[in-house]
C-alpha atoms as a PDB file:
ATOM      1  CA  MET A   1     110.680  89.869 195.347  1.00  0.00           C
ATOM      2  CA  ALA A   2     111.804  86.184 196.389  1.00  0.00           C
ATOM      3  CA  LEU A   3     115.070  86.176 197.973  1.00  0.00           C
ATOM      4  CA  MET A   4     118.262  84.375 196.248  1.00  0.00           C
ATOM      5  CA  ILE A   5     121.285  83.092 197.272  1.00  0.00           C
ATOM      6  CA  THR A   6     124.509  84.319 195.492  1.00  0.00           C
ATOM      7  CA  ASP A   7     127.782  82.354 194.926  1.00  0.00           C
ATOM      8  CA  GLU A   8     129.318  84.023 197.786  1.00  0.00           C
ATOM      9  CA  CYS A   9     127.483  81.697 200.049  1.00  0.00           C
ATOM     10  CA  ILE A  10     129.990  79.693 202.201  1.00  0.00           C
ATOM     11  CA  ASN A  11     127.462  76.514 203.014  1.00  0.00           C
ATOM     12  CA  CYS A  12     127.669  77.415 206.491  1.00  0.00           C
ATOM     13  CA  ASP A  13     124.269  75.907 207.100  1.00  0.00           C
ATOM     14  CA  VAL A  14     122.524  78.634 209.206  1.00  0.00           C
ATOM     15  CA  CYS A  15     119.851  79.999 206.803  1.00  0.00           C
ATOM     16  CA  GLU A  16     118.232  76.632 206.126  1.00  0.00           C
ATOM     17  CA  PRO A  17     116.809  76.082 209.559  1.00  0.00           C
ATOM     18  CA  GLU A  18     115.801  79.724 210.134  1.00  0.00           C
ATOM     19  CA  CYS A  19     113.097  79.729 206.926  1.00  0.00           C
ATOM     20  CA  PRO A  20     109.532  79.259 208.041  1.00  0.00           C
ATOM     21  CA  ASN A  21     108.439  78.206 204.278  1.00  0.00           C
ATOM     22  CA  GLU A  22     111.032  75.511 203.984  1.00  0.00           C
ATOM     23  CA  ALA A  23     112.159  77.303 200.843  1.00  0.00           C
ATOM     24  CA  ILE A  24     115.735  77.009 201.394  1.00  0.00           C
ATOM     25  CA  PHE A  25     117.813  73.687 200.625  1.00  0.00           C
ATOM     26  CA  LEU A  26     121.228  72.576 199.676  1.00  0.00           C
ATOM     27  CA  GLY A  27     121.927  72.867 195.893  1.00  0.00           C
ATOM     28  CA  PRO A  28     124.293  71.148 193.972  1.00  0.00           C
ATOM     29  CA  GLU A  29     127.125  73.612 194.976  1.00  0.00           C
ATOM     30  CA  ILE A  30     125.344  75.927 197.381  1.00  0.00           C
ATOM     31  CA  TYR A  31     122.340  77.046 199.114  1.00  0.00           C
ATOM     32  CA  GLU A  32     119.313  77.804 197.066  1.00  0.00           C
ATOM     33  CA  ILE A  33     115.884  79.406 197.511  1.00  0.00           C
ATOM     34  CA  ASP A  34     112.809  77.761 195.670  1.00  0.00           C
ATOM     35  CA  PRO A  35     110.928  81.146 194.645  1.00  0.00           C
ATOM     36  CA  ASP A  36     107.512  79.401 194.838  1.00  0.00           C
ATOM     37  CA  ARG A  37     107.996  79.005 198.493  1.00  0.00           C
ATOM     38  CA  CYS A  38     110.045  82.352 199.874  1.00  0.00           C
ATOM     39  CA  THR A  39     107.436  84.900 201.184  1.00  0.00           C
ATOM     40  CA  GLU A  40     110.707  87.212 202.444  1.00  0.00           C
ATOM     41  CA  CYS A  41     109.252  85.622 205.699  1.00  0.00           C
ATOM     42  CA  VAL A  42     106.021  87.888 205.143  1.00  0.00           C
ATOM     43  CA  GLY A  43     103.421  86.389 207.586  1.00  0.00           C
ATOM     44  CA  HIS A  44     105.894  85.163 209.860  1.00  0.00           C
ATOM     45  CA  PHE A  45     108.272  87.890 210.706  1.00  0.00           C
ATOM     46  CA  ASP A  46     109.044  91.375 209.635  1.00  0.00           C
ATOM     47  CA  GLU A  47     112.466  90.817 208.281  1.00  0.00           C
ATOM     48  CA  PRO A  48     113.528  87.820 206.058  1.00  0.00           C
ATOM     49  CA  GLN A  49     115.319  85.406 208.817  1.00  0.00           C
ATOM     50  CA  CYS A  50     117.616  84.100 206.716  1.00  0.00           C
ATOM     51  CA  VAL A  51     119.153  87.617 205.604  1.00  0.00           C
ATOM     52  CA  GLN A  52     119.334  88.154 209.363  1.00  0.00           C
ATOM     53  CA  VAL A  53     121.596  85.286 210.206  1.00  0.00           C
ATOM     54  CA  CYS A  54     123.878  84.998 207.078  1.00  0.00           C
ATOM     55  CA  PRO A  55     127.121  85.602 208.093  1.00  0.00           C
ATOM     56  CA  VAL A  56     128.372  86.902 204.322  1.00  0.00           C
ATOM     57  CA  ALA A  57     125.229  88.681 203.481  1.00  0.00           C
ATOM     58  CA  CYS A  58     124.749  86.738 200.295  1.00  0.00           C
ATOM     59  CA  ILE A  59     120.984  86.912 200.354  1.00  0.00           C
ATOM     60  CA  PRO A  60     119.849  89.643 198.458  1.00  0.00           C
ATOM     61  CA  LEU A  61     116.312  90.198 196.479  1.00  0.00           C
ATOM     62  CA  ASP A  62     116.235  88.279 193.409  1.00  0.00           C
ATOM     63  CA  PRO A  63     115.566  91.131 190.604  1.00  0.00           C
ATOM     64  CA  GLN A  64     114.245  88.269 188.167  1.00  0.00           C
ATOM     65  CA  ARG A  65     111.040  87.941 190.892  1.00  0.00           C
ATOM     66  CA  VAL A  66     109.750  91.092 191.488  1.00  0.00           C
ATOM     67  CA  GLU A  67     106.802  90.489 194.120  1.00  0.00           C
ATOM     68  CA  SER A  68     104.891  93.120 195.909  1.00  0.00           C
ATOM     69  CA  ARG A  69     104.032  92.502 199.374  1.00  0.00           C
ATOM     70  CA  GLU A  70     100.440  91.700 198.345  1.00  0.00           C
ATOM     71  CA  THR A  71     101.714  88.869 196.150  1.00  0.00           C
ATOM     72  CA  LEU A  72     104.123  87.689 199.068  1.00  0.00           C
ATOM     73  CA  TRP A  73     101.109  87.724 201.516  1.00  0.00           C
ATOM     74  CA  GLN A  74      98.923  85.619 199.064  1.00  0.00           C
ATOM     75  CA  LYS A  75     101.984  82.979 198.565  1.00  0.00           C
ATOM     76  CA  TYR A  76     101.817  82.740 202.137  1.00  0.00           C
ATOM     77  CA  GLN A  77      98.456  82.257 202.582  1.00  0.00           C
ATOM     78  CA  ARG A  78      98.432  79.707 199.701  1.00  0.00           C
ATOM     79  CA  LEU A  79     101.315  77.893 201.652  1.00  0.00           C
ATOM     80  CA  ILE A  80      99.698  77.798 205.030  1.00  0.00           C
ATOM     81  CA  GLY A  81      96.063  76.508 203.444  1.00  0.00           C
ATOM     82  CA  GLN A  82      98.245  73.910 201.659  1.00  0.00           C
ATOM     83  CA  ALA A  83     100.123  73.017 204.916  1.00  0.00           C
ATOM     84  CA  ARG A  84      96.942  72.793 206.883  1.00  0.00           C
ATOM     85  CA  LYS A  85      95.212  70.735 204.304  1.00  0.00           C
ATOM     86  CA  ASP A  86      98.368  68.155 204.542  1.00  0.00           C
ATOM     87  CA  ALA A  87      98.207  67.907 208.257  1.00  0.00           C
ATOM     88  CA  SER A  88      94.435  67.427 208.804  1.00  0.00           C
ATOM     89  CA  PRO A  89      93.936  65.389 211.733  1.00  0.00           C
ATOM     90  CA  VAL A  90      90.452  64.376 210.442  1.00  0.00           C
ATOM     91  CA  PRO A  91      90.469  60.967 208.683  1.00  0.00           C
ATOM     92  CA  ALA A  92      88.778  60.500 205.446  1.00  0.00           C
ATOM     93  CA  ALA A  93      85.050  58.951 205.408  1.00  0.00           C
ATOM     94  CA  GLY A  94      86.606  55.431 204.591  1.00  0.00           C
ATOM     95  CA  ASP A  95      89.226  55.697 207.229  1.00  0.00           C
ATOM     96  CA  GLN A  96      87.006  56.488 210.090  1.00  0.00           C
ATOM     97  CA  GLU A  97      86.705  52.502 210.892  1.00  0.00           C
ATOM     98  CA  ALA A  98      90.518  52.234 210.724  1.00  0.00           C
ATOM     99  CA  ALA A  99      91.016  55.256 213.297  1.00  0.00           C
ATOM    100  CA  ALA A 100      88.899  53.793 215.410  1.00  0.00           C
ATOM    101  CA  ALA A 101      90.203  50.402 215.658  1.00  0.00           C
ATOM    102  CA  PRO A 102      92.530  49.631 218.696  1.00  0.00           C
ATOM    103  CA  LEU A 103      96.228  49.745 217.929  1.00  0.00           C
ATOM    104  CA  PRO A 104      97.742  46.170 218.228  1.00  0.00           C
ATOM    105  CA  GLU A 105      99.999  45.490 221.674  1.00  0.00           C
ATOM    106  CA  SER A 106     103.383  45.337 221.114  1.00  0.00           C
ATOM    107  CA  PRO A 107     105.153  42.348 223.069  1.00  0.00           C
ATOM    108  CA  GLY A 108     106.278  43.210 226.476  1.00  0.00           C
ATOM    109  CA  PHE A 109     104.529  46.632 226.150  1.00  0.00           C
ATOM    110  CA  PRO A 110     102.893  47.715 228.217  1.00  0.00           C
ATOM    111  CA  PRO A 111     103.864  45.325 231.018  1.00  0.00           C
ATOM    112  CA  ALA A 112     101.315  42.636 231.747  1.00  0.00           C
ATOM    113  CA  ARG A 113      99.503  42.786 235.125  1.00  0.00           C
ATOM    114  CA  GLU A 114      99.620  39.939 237.470  1.00  0.00           C
END
């Protein structure tokens, strides 16, 4: 199951930075969890980190989003696959010339040698 944040949330800001999948975001009134990104930390940690740090225990399992551990693992694999694709350091075929071109010098940096 994905997790959810209930209306007991006090907007303390501690859960958002703990989410390795960036599934937690500030909604119109309280923090919310994107169920398409929440893996309950499967693939990262043994326990959901947001649940561990929440001072008011307002992050239960979402009964509308029943998911097996296998489904959560597959979601994790999809998310890291997308992250790797987005962060690929290899330039596209047409960008190889641009990638090899020298960077323009900034005025005053590096300092001119005399």
